[in-house]
Structures are given as C-alpha cells and as structure tokens.
C-alpha cells in the first residue's frame, strides 16, 4: 500500500516536469474543457481504430486524429 502512494506521487511530480500542456485555439476560439472548464491541454496524435480493420490486422490503415487531453481532469477531445 505504501509503495502505491509513492508511485502515484512520483508520477504526479514527473507529469509536472514533463508536461507539454498549453492553451490551444480552434477556429480563433480558445479550447475549453466541457467537463471542468480548464484551458490547458496536451496534444497527442491518435489512431481511430475500427473493428473491421482490427479483425484483419489492418489497424495501420485507419485514419488518425488530434487528441486534446485536459491537463486538469484528463477528458479527451478528439479533433479531426
């Protein structure tokens, strides 16, 4: 139990020092999290998997999108 708390604390500290969060604008409007109202997001490129492509091992052929992850509550907003 004690080790889990230490691991969580270290993970939180690492996030502070390695975070690439910043404010983003979409169509000249500031991006705001619909869950908590935060304006700090981390940007990642994600693959939009489909059942059929996964079934025949063609995940690489799926389209991708920009995922904006809220720095406060971790809500994920996908932008195509």
C-alpha atoms as a PDB file:
ATOM      1  CA  UNK A   1       0.000   0.000   0.000  1.00  0.00           C
ATOM      2  CA  UNK A   2       2.758   2.438   0.914  1.00  0.00           C
ATOM      3  CA  UNK A   3       4.602   1.816  -2.370  1.00  0.00           C
ATOM      4  CA  UNK A   4       1.493   2.648  -4.399  1.00  0.00           C
ATOM      5  CA  UNK A   5       1.278   6.079  -2.772  1.00  0.00           C
ATOM      6  CA  UNK A   6       4.933   6.728  -3.503  1.00  0.00           C
ATOM      7  CA  UNK A   7       4.482   5.646  -7.134  1.00  0.00           C
ATOM      8  CA  UNK A   8       1.470   7.963  -7.558  1.00  0.00           C
ATOM      9  CA  UNK A   9       3.402  10.847  -6.028  1.00  0.00           C
ATOM     10  CA  UNK A  10       6.390  10.284  -8.302  1.00  0.00           C
ATOM     11  CA  UNK A  11       4.128  10.005 -11.355  1.00  0.00           C
ATOM     12  CA  UNK A  12       2.430  13.306 -10.468  1.00  0.00           C
ATOM     13  CA  UNK A  13       5.796  15.008  -9.979  1.00  0.00           C
ATOM     14  CA  UNK A  14       7.085  13.645 -13.300  1.00  0.00           C
ATOM     15  CA  UNK A  15       3.976  14.987 -15.056  1.00  0.00           C
ATOM     16  CA  UNK A  16       4.675  18.487 -13.741  1.00  0.00           C
ATOM     17  CA  UNK A  17       8.212  18.486 -15.108  1.00  0.00           C
ATOM     18  CA  UNK A  18       7.470  16.780 -18.443  1.00  0.00           C
ATOM     19  CA  UNK A  19       4.055  18.222 -19.295  1.00  0.00           C
ATOM     20  CA  UNK A  20       3.682  19.785 -22.729  1.00  0.00           C
ATOM     21  CA  UNK A  21       0.358  21.359 -21.833  1.00  0.00           C
ATOM     22  CA  UNK A  22      -0.633  24.728 -23.182  1.00  0.00           C
ATOM     23  CA  UNK A  23      -3.636  26.670 -24.400  1.00  0.00           C
ATOM     24  CA  UNK A  24      -4.967  25.884 -27.887  1.00  0.00           C
ATOM     25  CA  UNK A  25      -7.271  27.771 -30.250  1.00  0.00           C
ATOM     26  CA  UNK A  26      -9.662  26.156 -32.748  1.00  0.00           C
ATOM     27  CA  UNK A  27     -11.179  28.483 -35.378  1.00  0.00           C
ATOM     28  CA  UNK A  28      -9.974  31.522 -33.389  1.00  0.00           C
ATOM     29  CA  UNK A  29     -11.761  30.334 -30.226  1.00  0.00           C
ATOM     30  CA  UNK A  30      -9.915  29.189 -27.117  1.00  0.00           C
ATOM     31  CA  UNK A  31     -10.367  25.458 -26.478  1.00  0.00           C
ATOM     32  CA  UNK A  32     -12.133  24.938 -23.132  1.00  0.00           C
ATOM     33  CA  UNK A  33     -12.739  21.580 -21.431  1.00  0.00           C
ATOM     34  CA  UNK A  34     -16.502  20.853 -21.343  1.00  0.00           C
ATOM     35  CA  UNK A  35     -16.119  18.931 -18.060  1.00  0.00           C
ATOM     36  CA  UNK A  36     -14.051  21.221 -15.825  1.00  0.00           C
ATOM     37  CA  UNK A  37     -13.597  24.476 -17.768  1.00  0.00           C
ATOM     38  CA  UNK A  38      -9.793  24.232 -17.902  1.00  0.00           C
ATOM     39  CA  UNK A  39      -7.940  25.726 -20.873  1.00  0.00           C
ATOM     40  CA  UNK A  40      -4.676  23.721 -20.529  1.00  0.00           C
ATOM     41  CA  UNK A  41      -4.389  20.704 -22.830  1.00  0.00           C
ATOM     42  CA  UNK A  42      -1.775  18.244 -24.008  1.00  0.00           C
ATOM     43  CA  UNK A  43      -1.812  17.378 -27.712  1.00  0.00           C
ATOM     44  CA  UNK A  44      -1.322  13.817 -28.999  1.00  0.00           C
ATOM     45  CA  UNK A  45      -1.848  12.124 -32.358  1.00  0.00           C
ATOM     46  CA  UNK A  46      -4.103   9.055 -32.011  1.00  0.00           C
ATOM     47  CA  UNK A  47      -5.252   6.258 -34.300  1.00  0.00           C
ATOM     48  CA  UNK A  48      -9.022   5.882 -34.789  1.00  0.00           C
ATOM     49  CA  UNK A  49      -9.373   2.095 -34.775  1.00  0.00           C
ATOM     50  CA  UNK A  50     -12.285   0.293 -36.416  1.00  0.00           C
ATOM     51  CA  UNK A  51     -13.485  -3.201 -35.613  1.00  0.00           C
ATOM     52  CA  UNK A  52     -13.068  -4.484 -39.177  1.00  0.00           C
ATOM     53  CA  UNK A  53      -9.510  -3.197 -39.569  1.00  0.00           C
ATOM     54  CA  UNK A  54      -8.538  -4.673 -36.197  1.00  0.00           C
ATOM     55  CA  UNK A  55     -10.115  -8.007 -37.125  1.00  0.00           C
ATOM     56  CA  UNK A  56      -7.889  -8.340 -40.221  1.00  0.00           C
ATOM     57  CA  UNK A  57      -4.774  -6.715 -38.656  1.00  0.00           C
ATOM     58  CA  UNK A  58      -5.003  -3.505 -40.702  1.00  0.00           C
ATOM     59  CA  UNK A  59      -5.022  -1.043 -37.801  1.00  0.00           C
ATOM     60  CA  UNK A  60      -2.258   0.953 -39.506  1.00  0.00           C
ATOM     61  CA  UNK A  61      -4.701   1.782 -42.335  1.00  0.00           C
ATOM     62  CA  UNK A  62      -7.162   3.572 -40.032  1.00  0.00           C
ATOM     63  CA  UNK A  63      -7.319   7.359 -40.047  1.00  0.00           C
ATOM     64  CA  UNK A  64      -5.764   9.392 -37.264  1.00  0.00           C
ATOM     65  CA  UNK A  65      -6.814  12.479 -35.336  1.00  0.00           C
ATOM     66  CA  UNK A  66      -5.552  15.043 -32.870  1.00  0.00           C
ATOM     67  CA  UNK A  67      -6.459  14.242 -29.283  1.00  0.00           C
ATOM     68  CA  UNK A  68      -6.557  17.077 -26.798  1.00  0.00           C
ATOM     69  CA  UNK A  69      -6.205  15.788 -23.220  1.00  0.00           C
ATOM     70  CA  UNK A  70      -7.321  18.148 -20.469  1.00  0.00           C
ATOM     71  CA  UNK A  71      -4.479  18.776 -18.047  1.00  0.00           C
ATOM     72  CA  UNK A  72      -6.897  19.111 -15.133  1.00  0.00           C
ATOM     73  CA  UNK A  73      -9.417  16.252 -15.478  1.00  0.00           C
ATOM     74  CA  UNK A  74      -7.948  14.120 -18.331  1.00  0.00           C
ATOM     75  CA  UNK A  75     -11.061  14.470 -20.503  1.00  0.00           C
ATOM     76  CA  UNK A  76     -10.166  13.564 -24.089  1.00  0.00           C
ATOM     77  CA  UNK A  77     -11.419  15.638 -27.019  1.00  0.00           C
ATOM     78  CA  UNK A  78     -10.670  14.258 -30.490  1.00  0.00           C
ATOM     79  CA  UNK A  79     -10.295  16.736 -33.358  1.00  0.00           C
ATOM     80  CA  UNK A  80     -10.187  15.500 -36.944  1.00  0.00           C
END
